[in-house]
Amino acid sequence: MENAIVTRAPTRIDFGGGWTDVPPYSDEMGGYVCNLAISRFATVTVSSGPHRFADSPLPLADRSIAHAAARRFGLDHASITVRSEFPVGAGLGGSSAVGVAAVAACAAARGETMAPDAMAELSREIEIADMEIPGGRQDHYAAAYGGALGLRFSAGRVDVRPLPLSPQTRTAIEQRGLIIYTGQSRNSGDTITAVLDAYRDRQPETLAALERMRQLAQEMADTLLAGDLDTLGALVAEHWQHQRSLHPAIPTPAIDEIIARAQEAGAIGAKALGASGGGCVLVITRADRTQQVRDVVASLGEVLPFSIAPGVKRCQ
């Protein structure tokens, strides 16, 4: 092994369709997610030496994902460090970013080359099988591919649609899209399990909400390509109404206050990111009200600057 191999993978914004990428819904009904990789990275370093972890705000489970990846590649005597540029439990797909970065680093340490979809699938397998963390596929694909994606899920298949954005659209998203961390970490596992149980029980409200969220995500992908952020914001606003109906733990007083205050100040749409119940809120503002919205939400949480990011890469 070389002295040190360093890789980093981005986290993501999920505009819409989250939950529909989680089996059995994705296998039985088909899912669709529109998301965007952002420059809040997980960085993994693999080098010779005994197992160790650098100081990191990541929870033990996330650090253990990197450890599990090393075992998958037979690197039982490697030294692994994990660093993050995102809050714990932020709803940005941080665990999956760690997983993809770890898979990429371990593969490079073994002299292997992996395609993005293979990295995404192995990262998810480690998370589900080795770590027993429930979840879907979208986060892993965002970390592996980067950029804006339309992801279609079906039984045993993921169709990846890269969404090339114009320079004007990229700039508009980075300016008019605000990510606000509520300061409340969340554990998505219990909520995911509860929503999937409601789906298995064929609860009409859950089925209708998931169906509409999938449709909205497909519309979002086309809207992003057209560079129409006003329509995107309106779709995000509708998506949140269906998303929050899935489980009582998804909205919180802090999330509701951020969204309400942002809309009063000139936001078109907003939603919690990830499985929510805490974490981050995405706000899309009107073009002429961005600063006003930013000023309002800054008193309610930490605004996290971001830019659109490429997929996992080797840094050295």
C-alpha atoms as a PDB file:
ATOM      1  CA  MET A   1       0.000   0.000   0.000  1.00  0.00           C
ATOM      2  CA  GLU A   2       1.129   3.563  -0.666  1.00  0.00           C
ATOM      3  CA  ASN A   3       1.920   5.720   2.371  1.00  0.00           C
ATOM      4  CA  ALA A   4      -1.496   7.376   2.323  1.00  0.00           C
ATOM      5  CA  ILE A   5      -4.520   7.383   0.067  1.00  0.00           C
ATOM      6  CA  VAL A   6      -7.000  10.208   0.575  1.00  0.00           C
ATOM      7  CA  THR A   7     -10.468  10.325  -0.970  1.00  0.00           C
ATOM      8  CA  ARG A   8     -13.427  12.588  -0.436  1.00  0.00           C
ATOM      9  CA  ALA A   9     -17.103  12.299  -1.312  1.00  0.00           C
ATOM     10  CA  PRO A  10     -19.869  14.915  -1.236  1.00  0.00           C
ATOM     11  CA  THR A  11     -23.080  14.993   0.726  1.00  0.00           C
ATOM     12  CA  ARG A  12     -26.345  16.009  -0.966  1.00  0.00           C
ATOM     13  CA  ILE A  13     -29.537  18.016  -1.049  1.00  0.00           C
ATOM     14  CA  ASP A  14     -32.599  15.874  -1.763  1.00  0.00           C
ATOM     15  CA  PHE A  15     -35.054  18.083  -3.633  1.00  0.00           C
ATOM     16  CA  GLY A  16     -37.679  15.366  -3.788  1.00  0.00           C
ATOM     17  CA  GLY A  17     -38.530  11.694  -3.929  1.00  0.00           C
ATOM     18  CA  GLY A  18     -36.702  10.588  -0.805  1.00  0.00           C
ATOM     19  CA  TRP A  19     -38.339   7.527   0.803  1.00  0.00           C
ATOM     20  CA  THR A  20     -39.284   6.145  -2.638  1.00  0.00           C
ATOM     21  CA  ASP A  21     -35.684   4.875  -3.037  1.00  0.00           C
ATOM     22  CA  VAL A  22     -36.054   2.559  -0.035  1.00  0.00           C
ATOM     23  CA  PRO A  23     -37.018  -1.111  -0.512  1.00  0.00           C
ATOM     24  CA  PRO A  24     -39.558  -2.621  -0.576  1.00  0.00           C
ATOM     25  CA  TYR A  25     -41.278   0.472  -1.988  1.00  0.00           C
ATOM     26  CA  SER A  26     -38.643   1.039  -4.686  1.00  0.00           C
ATOM     27  CA  ASP A  27     -38.757  -2.630  -5.737  1.00  0.00           C
ATOM     28  CA  GLU A  28     -42.533  -2.989  -5.774  1.00  0.00           C
ATOM     29  CA  MET A  29     -43.753   0.454  -6.872  1.00  0.00           C
ATOM     30  CA  GLY A  30     -40.697   2.048  -8.429  1.00  0.00           C
ATOM     31  CA  GLY A  31     -39.061   5.159  -7.037  1.00  0.00           C
ATOM     32  CA  TYR A  32     -37.619   8.419  -8.302  1.00  0.00           C
ATOM     33  CA  VAL A  33     -35.344  10.934  -6.585  1.00  0.00           C
ATOM     34  CA  CYS A  34     -33.994  14.295  -7.709  1.00  0.00           C
ATOM     35  CA  ASN A  35     -30.938  15.346  -5.734  1.00  0.00           C
ATOM     36  CA  LEU A  36     -27.820  17.499  -5.880  1.00  0.00           C
ATOM     37  CA  ALA A  37     -24.331  16.804  -4.525  1.00  0.00           C
ATOM     38  CA  ILE A  38     -22.895  19.637  -2.440  1.00  0.00           C
ATOM     39  CA  SER A  39     -19.484  20.679  -1.190  1.00  0.00           C
ATOM     40  CA  ARG A  40     -19.860  19.378   2.346  1.00  0.00           C
ATOM     41  CA  PHE A  41     -17.461  16.467   2.149  1.00  0.00           C
ATOM     42  CA  ALA A  42     -16.492  13.302   3.991  1.00  0.00           C
ATOM     43  CA  THR A  43     -12.754  12.677   3.683  1.00  0.00           C
ATOM     44  CA  VAL A  44     -11.215   9.270   4.319  1.00  0.00           C
ATOM     45  CA  THR A  45      -7.494   8.521   4.596  1.00  0.00           C
ATOM     46  CA  VAL A  46      -6.187   4.947   4.404  1.00  0.00           C
ATOM     47  CA  SER A  47      -2.545   4.238   5.215  1.00  0.00           C
ATOM     48  CA  SER A  48      -0.349   1.477   6.604  1.00  0.00           C
ATOM     49  CA  GLY A  49      -0.506   0.829  10.321  1.00  0.00           C
ATOM     50  CA  PRO A  50      -2.930  -0.369  12.992  1.00  0.00           C
ATOM     51  CA  HIS A  51      -6.551   0.739  13.012  1.00  0.00           C
ATOM     52  CA  ARG A  52      -7.050   4.198  14.438  1.00  0.00           C
ATOM     53  CA  PHE A  53      -9.441   7.102  13.973  1.00  0.00           C
ATOM     54  CA  ALA A  54      -8.604  10.782  14.050  1.00  0.00           C
ATOM     55  CA  ASP A  55     -10.642  13.150  16.183  1.00  0.00           C
ATOM     56  CA  SER A  56     -13.904  13.655  14.345  1.00  0.00           C
ATOM     57  CA  PRO A  57     -17.406  14.920  15.093  1.00  0.00           C
ATOM     58  CA  LEU A  58     -18.793  11.888  13.284  1.00  0.00           C
ATOM     59  CA  PRO A  59     -20.694   9.402  15.440  1.00  0.00           C
ATOM     60  CA  LEU A  60     -19.139   6.004  16.029  1.00  0.00           C
ATOM     61  CA  ALA A  61     -21.475   4.358  13.502  1.00  0.00           C
ATOM     62  CA  ASP A  62     -20.184   6.551  10.679  1.00  0.00           C
ATOM     63  CA  ARG A  63     -16.567   5.918  11.604  1.00  0.00           C
ATOM     64  CA  SER A  64     -17.359   2.205  11.790  1.00  0.00           C
ATOM     65  CA  ILE A  65     -18.646   2.285   8.203  1.00  0.00           C
ATOM     66  CA  ALA A  66     -15.107   3.120   7.087  1.00  0.00           C
ATOM     67  CA  HIS A  67     -13.791   0.344   9.329  1.00  0.00           C
ATOM     68  CA  ALA A  68     -16.295  -2.092   7.785  1.00  0.00           C
ATOM     69  CA  ALA A  69     -15.199  -1.070   4.281  1.00  0.00           C
ATOM     70  CA  ALA A  70     -11.599  -1.853   5.200  1.00  0.00           C
ATOM     71  CA  ARG A  71     -12.638  -5.342   6.324  1.00  0.00           C
ATOM     72  CA  ARG A  72     -14.467  -5.868   3.019  1.00  0.00           C
ATOM     73  CA  PHE A  73     -11.218  -5.186   1.179  1.00  0.00           C
ATOM     74  CA  GLY A  74      -9.063  -7.251   3.521  1.00  0.00           C
ATOM     75  CA  LEU A  75      -7.258  -4.197   4.890  1.00  0.00           C
ATOM     76  CA  ASP A  76      -7.423  -5.362   8.482  1.00  0.00           C
ATOM     77  CA  HIS A  77      -4.145  -3.694   9.416  1.00  0.00           C
ATOM     78  CA  ALA A  78      -4.737  -0.343   7.763  1.00  0.00           C
ATOM     79  CA  SER A  79      -4.923   2.958   9.555  1.00  0.00           C
ATOM     80  CA  ILE A  80      -8.106   4.890   8.729  1.00  0.00           C
ATOM     81  CA  THR A  81      -9.018   8.478   9.501  1.00  0.00           C
ATOM     82  CA  VAL A  82     -12.399  10.038   8.784  1.00  0.00           C
ATOM     83  CA  ARG A  83     -13.118  13.755   8.708  1.00  0.00           C
ATOM     84  CA  SER A  84     -16.355  15.552   7.970  1.00  0.00           C
ATOM     85  CA  GLU A  85     -17.479  18.998   6.819  1.00  0.00           C
ATOM     86  CA  PHE A  86     -21.089  18.640   7.927  1.00  0.00           C
ATOM     87  CA  PRO A  87     -22.961  18.536  11.243  1.00  0.00           C
ATOM     88  CA  VAL A  88     -23.839  15.225  12.851  1.00  0.00           C
ATOM     89  CA  GLY A  89     -27.330  14.017  11.914  1.00  0.00           C
ATOM     90  CA  ALA A  90     -27.791  16.823   9.391  1.00  0.00           C
ATOM     91  CA  GLY A  91     -29.940  14.890   6.922  1.00  0.00           C
ATOM     92  CA  LEU A  92     -27.385  15.467   4.163  1.00  0.00           C
ATOM     93  CA  GLY A  93     -26.471  11.820   3.582  1.00  0.00           C
ATOM     94  CA  GLY A  94     -23.249  12.078   5.556  1.00  0.00           C
ATOM     95  CA  SER A  95     -22.993   8.390   6.445  1.00  0.00           C
ATOM     96  CA  SER A  96     -23.265   7.463   2.783  1.00  0.00           C
ATOM     97  CA  ALA A  97     -20.600  10.005   1.853  1.00  0.00           C
ATOM     98  CA  VAL A  98     -18.317   8.344   4.401  1.00  0.00           C
ATOM     99  CA  GLY A  99     -19.153   4.945   2.940  1.00  0.00           C
ATOM    100  CA  VAL A 100     -18.460   5.922  -0.670  1.00  0.00           C
ATOM    101  CA  ALA A 101     -15.229   7.720   0.250  1.00  0.00           C
ATOM    102  CA  ALA A 102     -14.105   4.701   2.263  1.00  0.00           C
ATOM    103  CA  VAL A 103     -14.891   2.275  -0.560  1.00  0.00           C
ATOM    104  CA  ALA A 104     -12.981   4.458  -3.028  1.00  0.00           C
ATOM    105  CA  ALA A 105      -9.978   4.716  -0.708  1.00  0.00           C
ATOM    106  CA  CYS A 106      -9.891   1.002   0.060  1.00  0.00           C
ATOM    107  CA  ALA A 107     -10.246   0.083  -3.609  1.00  0.00           C
ATOM    108  CA  ALA A 108      -7.356   2.397  -4.478  1.00  0.00           C
ATOM    109  CA  ALA A 109      -5.278   0.845  -1.702  1.00  0.00           C
ATOM    110  CA  ARG A 110      -5.839  -2.531  -3.346  1.00  0.00           C
ATOM    111  CA  GLY A 111      -5.023  -1.141  -6.784  1.00  0.00           C
ATOM    112  CA  GLU A 112      -8.603  -1.640  -7.944  1.00  0.00           C
ATOM    113  CA  THR A 113     -10.769   0.635 -10.078  1.00  0.00           C
ATOM    114  CA  MET A 114     -14.502   0.793  -9.436  1.00  0.00           C
ATOM    115  CA  ALA A 115     -17.282   2.424 -11.450  1.00  0.00           C
ATOM    116  CA  PRO A 116     -19.485   4.949  -9.608  1.00  0.00           C
ATOM    117  CA  ASP A 117     -22.489   2.628  -9.513  1.00  0.00           C
ATOM    118  CA  ALA A 118     -20.376  -0.200  -8.087  1.00  0.00           C
ATOM    119  CA  MET A 119     -19.054   2.092  -5.351  1.00  0.00           C
ATOM    120  CA  ALA A 120     -22.573   3.259  -4.544  1.00  0.00           C
ATOM    121  CA  GLU A 121     -23.939  -0.272  -4.295  1.00  0.00           C
ATOM    122  CA  LEU A 122     -21.066  -1.593  -2.179  1.00  0.00           C
ATOM    123  CA  SER A 123     -21.326   1.402   0.153  1.00  0.00           C
ATOM    124  CA  ARG A 124     -25.026   0.731   0.624  1.00  0.00           C
ATOM    125  CA  GLU A 125     -24.440  -2.996   1.140  1.00  0.00           C
ATOM    126  CA  ILE A 126     -21.962  -2.190   3.908  1.00  0.00           C
ATOM    127  CA  GLU A 127     -24.430   0.196   5.538  1.00  0.00           C
ATOM    128  CA  ILE A 128     -27.371  -2.213   5.331  1.00  0.00           C
ATOM    129  CA  ALA A 129     -25.730  -5.626   5.809  1.00  0.00           C
ATOM    130  CA  ASP A 130     -22.664  -4.871   7.938  1.00  0.00           C
ATOM    131  CA  MET A 131     -23.944  -1.945   9.987  1.00  0.00           C
ATOM    132  CA  GLU A 132     -27.671  -2.817   9.962  1.00  0.00           C
ATOM    133  CA  ILE A 133     -28.601   0.813   9.221  1.00  0.00           C
ATOM    134  CA  PRO A 134     -31.889   1.018   7.277  1.00  0.00           C
ATOM    135  CA  GLY A 135     -32.040   3.343   4.295  1.00  0.00           C
ATOM    136  CA  GLY A 136     -32.262   3.792   0.567  1.00  0.00           C
ATOM    137  CA  ARG A 137     -29.878   4.250  -2.325  1.00  0.00           C
ATOM    138  CA  GLN A 138     -30.053   7.900  -3.305  1.00  0.00           C
ATOM    139  CA  ASP A 139     -27.363   9.171  -0.898  1.00  0.00           C
ATOM    140  CA  HIS A 140     -24.763   6.691  -2.119  1.00  0.00           C
ATOM    141  CA  TYR A 141     -25.374   7.571  -5.772  1.00  0.00           C
ATOM    142  CA  ALA A 142     -25.134  11.305  -5.066  1.00  0.00           C
ATOM    143  CA  ALA A 143     -21.797  10.737  -3.333  1.00  0.00           C
ATOM    144  CA  ALA A 144     -20.477   8.549  -6.138  1.00  0.00           C
ATOM    145  CA  TYR A 145     -21.674  10.536  -9.172  1.00  0.00           C
ATOM    146  CA  GLY A 146     -21.893  14.126  -7.933  1.00  0.00           C
ATOM    147  CA  GLY A 147     -23.723  16.982  -9.621  1.00  0.00           C
ATOM    148  CA  ALA A 148     -27.489  16.995 -10.148  1.00  0.00           C
ATOM    149  CA  LEU A 149     -29.157  13.632 -10.673  1.00  0.00           C
ATOM    150  CA  GLY A 150     -32.496  12.121 -11.566  1.00  0.00           C
ATOM    151  CA  LEU A 151     -32.482   8.593 -10.147  1.00  0.00           C
ATOM    152  CA  ARG A 152     -35.058   5.978 -11.110  1.00  0.00           C
ATOM    153  CA  PHE A 153     -35.307   2.932  -8.849  1.00  0.00           C
ATOM    154  CA  SER A 154     -36.862  -0.443  -9.591  1.00  0.00           C
ATOM    155  CA  ALA A 155     -36.270  -4.034  -8.530  1.00  0.00           C
ATOM    156  CA  GLY A 156     -32.557  -4.747  -8.962  1.00  0.00           C
ATOM    157  CA  ARG A 157     -31.971  -1.636 -11.070  1.00  0.00           C
ATOM    158  CA  VAL A 158     -31.003   2.014 -10.718  1.00  0.00           C
ATOM    159  CA  ASP A 159     -31.119   4.244 -13.785  1.00  0.00           C
ATOM    160  CA  VAL A 160     -28.909   7.310 -13.343  1.00  0.00           C
ATOM    161  CA  ARG A 161     -29.797  10.449 -15.268  1.00  0.00           C
ATOM    162  CA  PRO A 162     -27.132  13.162 -14.879  1.00  0.00           C
ATOM    163  CA  LEU A 163     -28.736  16.600 -15.112  1.00  0.00           C
ATOM    164  CA  PRO A 164     -26.292  19.009 -16.781  1.00  0.00           C
ATOM    165  CA  LEU A 165     -26.968  22.476 -15.413  1.00  0.00           C
ATOM    166  CA  SER A 166     -26.157  25.715 -17.180  1.00  0.00           C
ATOM    167  CA  PRO A 167     -23.705  28.084 -15.451  1.00  0.00           C
ATOM    168  CA  GLN A 168     -26.627  30.434 -14.787  1.00  0.00           C
ATOM    169  CA  THR A 169     -28.653  27.681 -13.128  1.00  0.00           C
ATOM    170  CA  ARG A 170     -25.721  26.557 -10.998  1.00  0.00           C
ATOM    171  CA  THR A 171     -25.162  30.095  -9.780  1.00  0.00           C
ATOM    172  CA  ALA A 172     -28.860  30.594  -9.077  1.00  0.00           C
ATOM    173  CA  ILE A 173     -29.070  27.398  -7.018  1.00  0.00           C
ATOM    174  CA  GLU A 174     -26.017  28.297  -4.973  1.00  0.00           C
ATOM    175  CA  GLN A 175     -27.394  31.777  -4.312  1.00  0.00           C
ATOM    176  CA  ARG A 176     -31.116  31.115  -3.882  1.00  0.00           C
ATOM    177  CA  GLY A 177     -30.817  27.746  -2.173  1.00  0.00           C
ATOM    178  CA  LEU A 178     -30.190  28.042   1.565  1.00  0.00           C
ATOM    179  CA  ILE A 179     -29.354  25.154   3.889  1.00  0.00           C
ATOM    180  CA  ILE A 180     -30.135  25.834   7.534  1.00  0.00           C
ATOM    181  CA  TYR A 181     -28.975  23.459  10.265  1.00  0.00           C
ATOM    182  CA  THR A 182     -31.530  23.377  13.073  1.00  0.00           C
ATOM    183  CA  GLY A 183     -28.952  22.318  15.655  1.00  0.00           C
ATOM    184  CA  GLN A 184     -31.007  19.199  16.329  1.00  0.00           C
ATOM    185  CA  SER A 185     -29.377  15.925  15.329  1.00  0.00           C
ATOM    186  CA  ARG A 186     -31.776  13.239  14.200  1.00  0.00           C
ATOM    187  CA  ASN A 187     -31.722   9.453  13.966  1.00  0.00           C
ATOM    188  CA  SER A 188     -33.421   8.450  10.727  1.00  0.00           C
ATOM    189  CA  GLY A 189     -33.560   4.690  11.327  1.00  0.00           C
ATOM    190  CA  ASP A 190     -36.677   4.566  13.512  1.00  0.00           C
ATOM    191  CA  THR A 191     -38.601   6.960  11.266  1.00  0.00           C
ATOM    192  CA  ILE A 192     -37.687   5.051   8.107  1.00  0.00           C
ATOM    193  CA  THR A 193     -38.824   1.796   9.708  1.00  0.00           C
ATOM    194  CA  ALA A 194     -42.149   3.336  10.776  1.00  0.00           C
ATOM    195  CA  VAL A 195     -42.886   4.753   7.323  1.00  0.00           C
ATOM    196  CA  LEU A 196     -42.043   1.454   5.643  1.00  0.00           C
ATOM    197  CA  ASP A 197     -44.302  -0.389   8.078  1.00  0.00           C
ATOM    198  CA  ALA A 198     -47.142   1.977   7.099  1.00  0.00           C
ATOM    199  CA  TYR A 199     -46.411   1.225   3.437  1.00  0.00           C
ATOM    200  CA  ARG A 200     -46.448  -2.532   4.052  1.00  0.00           C
ATOM    201  CA  ASP A 201     -49.779  -2.115   5.815  1.00  0.00           C
ATOM    202  CA  ARG A 202     -51.005  -0.291   2.679  1.00  0.00           C
ATOM    203  CA  GLN A 203     -52.194   2.733   4.617  1.00  0.00           C
ATOM    204  CA  PRO A 204     -53.939   4.912   2.003  1.00  0.00           C
ATOM    205  CA  GLU A 205     -52.452   8.200   3.200  1.00  0.00           C
ATOM    206  CA  THR A 206     -48.921   6.816   3.056  1.00  0.00           C
ATOM    207  CA  LEU A 207     -49.409   5.290  -0.394  1.00  0.00           C
ATOM    208  CA  ALA A 208     -50.827   8.536  -1.788  1.00  0.00           C
ATOM    209  CA  ALA A 209     -48.054  10.654  -0.268  1.00  0.00           C
ATOM    210  CA  LEU A 210     -45.255   8.452  -1.605  1.00  0.00           C
ATOM    211  CA  GLU A 211     -46.816   8.324  -5.069  1.00  0.00           C
ATOM    212  CA  ARG A 212     -47.087  12.105  -5.288  1.00  0.00           C
ATOM    213  CA  MET A 213     -43.540  12.590  -3.930  1.00  0.00           C
ATOM    214  CA  ARG A 214     -42.230  10.330  -6.695  1.00  0.00           C
ATOM    215  CA  GLN A 215     -44.152  12.319  -9.329  1.00  0.00           C
ATOM    216  CA  LEU A 216     -42.872  15.609  -7.941  1.00  0.00           C
ATOM    217  CA  ALA A 217     -39.274  14.386  -8.076  1.00  0.00           C
ATOM    218  CA  GLN A 218     -39.655  13.594 -11.782  1.00  0.00           C
ATOM    219  CA  GLU A 219     -41.049  17.073 -12.390  1.00  0.00           C
ATOM    220  CA  MET A 220     -38.164  18.560 -10.400  1.00  0.00           C
ATOM    221  CA  ALA A 221     -35.580  16.930 -12.657  1.00  0.00           C
ATOM    222  CA  ASP A 222     -37.121  18.507 -15.766  1.00  0.00           C
ATOM    223  CA  THR A 223     -37.480  21.839 -13.983  1.00  0.00           C
ATOM    224  CA  LEU A 224     -33.816  21.840 -12.970  1.00  0.00           C
ATOM    225  CA  LEU A 225     -32.758  21.197 -16.552  1.00  0.00           C
ATOM    226  CA  ALA A 226     -34.912  24.135 -17.654  1.00  0.00           C
ATOM    227  CA  GLY A 227     -33.317  26.347 -15.004  1.00  0.00           C
ATOM    228  CA  ASP A 228     -36.734  27.326 -13.611  1.00  0.00           C
ATOM    229  CA  LEU A 229     -36.058  27.806  -9.906  1.00  0.00           C
ATOM    230  CA  ASP A 230     -39.394  29.464  -9.227  1.00  0.00           C
ATOM    231  CA  THR A 231     -41.219  26.311 -10.300  1.00  0.00           C
ATOM    232  CA  LEU A 232     -38.673  24.158  -8.468  1.00  0.00           C
ATOM    233  CA  GLY A 233     -39.404  26.094  -5.278  1.00  0.00           C
ATOM    234  CA  ALA A 234     -43.151  25.556  -5.694  1.00  0.00           C
ATOM    235  CA  LEU A 235     -42.602  21.813  -6.212  1.00  0.00           C
ATOM    236  CA  VAL A 236     -40.428  21.679  -3.079  1.00  0.00           C
ATOM    237  CA  ALA A 237     -43.193  23.404  -1.110  1.00  0.00           C
ATOM    238  CA  GLU A 238     -45.767  20.834  -2.204  1.00  0.00           C
ATOM    239  CA  HIS A 239     -43.360  17.978  -1.565  1.00  0.00           C
ATOM    240  CA  TRP A 240     -42.945  19.063   2.060  1.00  0.00           C
ATOM    241  CA  GLN A 241     -46.682  18.817   2.684  1.00  0.00           C
ATOM    242  CA  HIS A 242     -46.667  15.168   1.587  1.00  0.00           C
ATOM    243  CA  GLN A 243     -43.338  14.398   3.258  1.00  0.00           C
ATOM    244  CA  ARG A 244     -44.418  15.731   6.652  1.00  0.00           C
ATOM    245  CA  SER A 245     -47.615  13.662   6.501  1.00  0.00           C
ATOM    246  CA  LEU A 246     -45.660  10.382   6.479  1.00  0.00           C
ATOM    247  CA  HIS A 247     -44.919  10.373  10.216  1.00  0.00           C
ATOM    248  CA  PRO A 248     -45.500  12.710  13.186  1.00  0.00           C
ATOM    249  CA  ALA A 249     -41.765  12.759  14.001  1.00  0.00           C
ATOM    250  CA  ILE A 250     -40.761  14.241  10.630  1.00  0.00           C
ATOM    251  CA  PRO A 251     -41.720  17.882  11.306  1.00  0.00           C
ATOM    252  CA  THR A 252     -40.441  19.581  14.463  1.00  0.00           C
ATOM    253  CA  PRO A 253     -41.220  22.981  15.986  1.00  0.00           C
ATOM    254  CA  ALA A 254     -37.781  24.238  14.874  1.00  0.00           C
ATOM    255  CA  ILE A 255     -38.306  23.053  11.292  1.00  0.00           C
ATOM    256  CA  ASP A 256     -41.801  24.518  11.151  1.00  0.00           C
ATOM    257  CA  GLU A 257     -40.601  27.879  12.456  1.00  0.00           C
ATOM    258  CA  ILE A 258     -37.757  28.096   9.940  1.00  0.00           C
ATOM    259  CA  ILE A 259     -40.093  27.283   7.056  1.00  0.00           C
ATOM    260  CA  ALA A 260     -42.836  29.661   8.199  1.00  0.00           C
ATOM    261  CA  ARG A 261     -40.468  32.564   8.795  1.00  0.00           C
ATOM    262  CA  ALA A 262     -38.648  31.942   5.512  1.00  0.00           C
ATOM    263  CA  GLN A 263     -41.913  31.972   3.557  1.00  0.00           C
ATOM    264  CA  GLU A 264     -42.982  35.211   5.243  1.00  0.00           C
ATOM    265  CA  ALA A 265     -39.680  36.775   4.167  1.00  0.00           C
ATOM    266  CA  GLY A 266     -39.948  35.668   0.538  1.00  0.00           C
ATOM    267  CA  ALA A 267     -39.131  31.983   0.211  1.00  0.00           C
ATOM    268  CA  ILE A 268     -40.998  30.099  -2.517  1.00  0.00           C
ATOM    269  CA  GLY A 269     -40.579  26.656  -1.006  1.00  0.00           C
ATOM    270  CA  ALA A 270     -38.829  24.807   1.794  1.00  0.00           C
ATOM    271  CA  LYS A 271     -38.533  21.288   3.167  1.00  0.00           C
ATOM    272  CA  ALA A 272     -36.613  19.289   5.708  1.00  0.00           C
ATOM    273  CA  LEU A 273     -33.727  17.276   4.272  1.00  0.00           C
ATOM    274  CA  GLY A 274     -33.311  13.548   4.640  1.00  0.00           C
ATOM    275  CA  ALA A 275     -35.645  11.632   6.941  1.00  0.00           C
ATOM    276  CA  SER A 276     -35.902  14.820   9.041  1.00  0.00           C
ATOM    277  CA  GLY A 277     -37.093  15.008  12.625  1.00  0.00           C
ATOM    278  CA  GLY A 278     -34.192  17.446  12.954  1.00  0.00           C
ATOM    279  CA  GLY A 279     -31.129  18.082  10.835  1.00  0.00           C
ATOM    280  CA  CYS A 280     -31.245  20.623   8.015  1.00  0.00           C
ATOM    281  CA  VAL A 281     -33.885  22.575   6.128  1.00  0.00           C
ATOM    282  CA  LEU A 282     -33.629  23.530   2.455  1.00  0.00           C
ATOM    283  CA  VAL A 283     -35.101  26.898   1.469  1.00  0.00           C
ATOM    284  CA  ILE A 284     -35.469  28.207  -2.091  1.00  0.00           C
ATOM    285  CA  THR A 285     -35.978  31.955  -2.225  1.00  0.00           C
ATOM    286  CA  ARG A 286     -37.389  34.363  -4.728  1.00  0.00           C
ATOM    287  CA  ALA A 287     -34.603  35.925  -6.774  1.00  0.00           C
ATOM    288  CA  ASP A 288     -35.181  39.358  -5.239  1.00  0.00           C
ATOM    289  CA  ARG A 289     -35.611  38.210  -1.621  1.00  0.00           C
ATOM    290  CA  THR A 290     -32.571  36.033  -0.956  1.00  0.00           C
ATOM    291  CA  GLN A 291     -30.859  38.373   1.492  1.00  0.00           C
ATOM    292  CA  GLN A 292     -34.069  39.067   3.381  1.00  0.00           C
ATOM    293  CA  VAL A 293     -34.716  35.347   3.817  1.00  0.00           C
ATOM    294  CA  ARG A 294     -31.108  34.728   4.807  1.00  0.00           C
ATOM    295  CA  ASP A 295     -31.279  37.427   7.469  1.00  0.00           C
ATOM    296  CA  VAL A 296     -34.424  35.898   8.974  1.00  0.00           C
ATOM    297  CA  VAL A 297     -33.305  32.271   9.080  1.00  0.00           C
ATOM    298  CA  ALA A 298     -29.819  33.120  10.349  1.00  0.00           C
ATOM    299  CA  SER A 299     -31.333  33.757  13.771  1.00  0.00           C
ATOM    300  CA  LEU A 300     -33.019  30.349  13.779  1.00  0.00           C
ATOM    301  CA  GLY A 301     -30.136  28.069  12.820  1.00  0.00           C
ATOM    302  CA  GLU A 302     -26.731  27.851  11.184  1.00  0.00           C
ATOM    303  CA  VAL A 303     -26.735  28.700   7.468  1.00  0.00           C
ATOM    304  CA  LEU A 304     -24.348  26.288   5.737  1.00  0.00           C
ATOM    305  CA  PRO A 305     -22.700  27.717   2.596  1.00  0.00           C
ATOM    306  CA  PHE A 306     -22.361  25.229  -0.258  1.00  0.00           C
ATOM    307  CA  SER A 307     -21.559  24.846  -3.917  1.00  0.00           C
ATOM    308  CA  ILE A 308     -22.461  22.090  -6.377  1.00  0.00           C
ATOM    309  CA  ALA A 309     -19.903  19.311  -6.081  1.00  0.00           C
ATOM    310  CA  PRO A 310     -18.499  16.552  -8.279  1.00  0.00           C
ATOM    311  CA  GLY A 311     -18.604  12.938  -7.169  1.00  0.00           C
ATOM    312  CA  VAL A 312     -16.090  11.004  -5.107  1.00  0.00           C
ATOM    313  CA  LYS A 313     -12.484  11.709  -6.018  1.00  0.00           C
ATOM    314  CA  ARG A 314      -9.024  10.747  -4.931  1.00  0.00           C
ATOM    315  CA  CYS A 315      -7.123  13.672  -3.465  1.00  0.00           C
ATOM    316  CA  GLN A 316      -3.763  11.937  -3.143  1.00  0.00           C
END
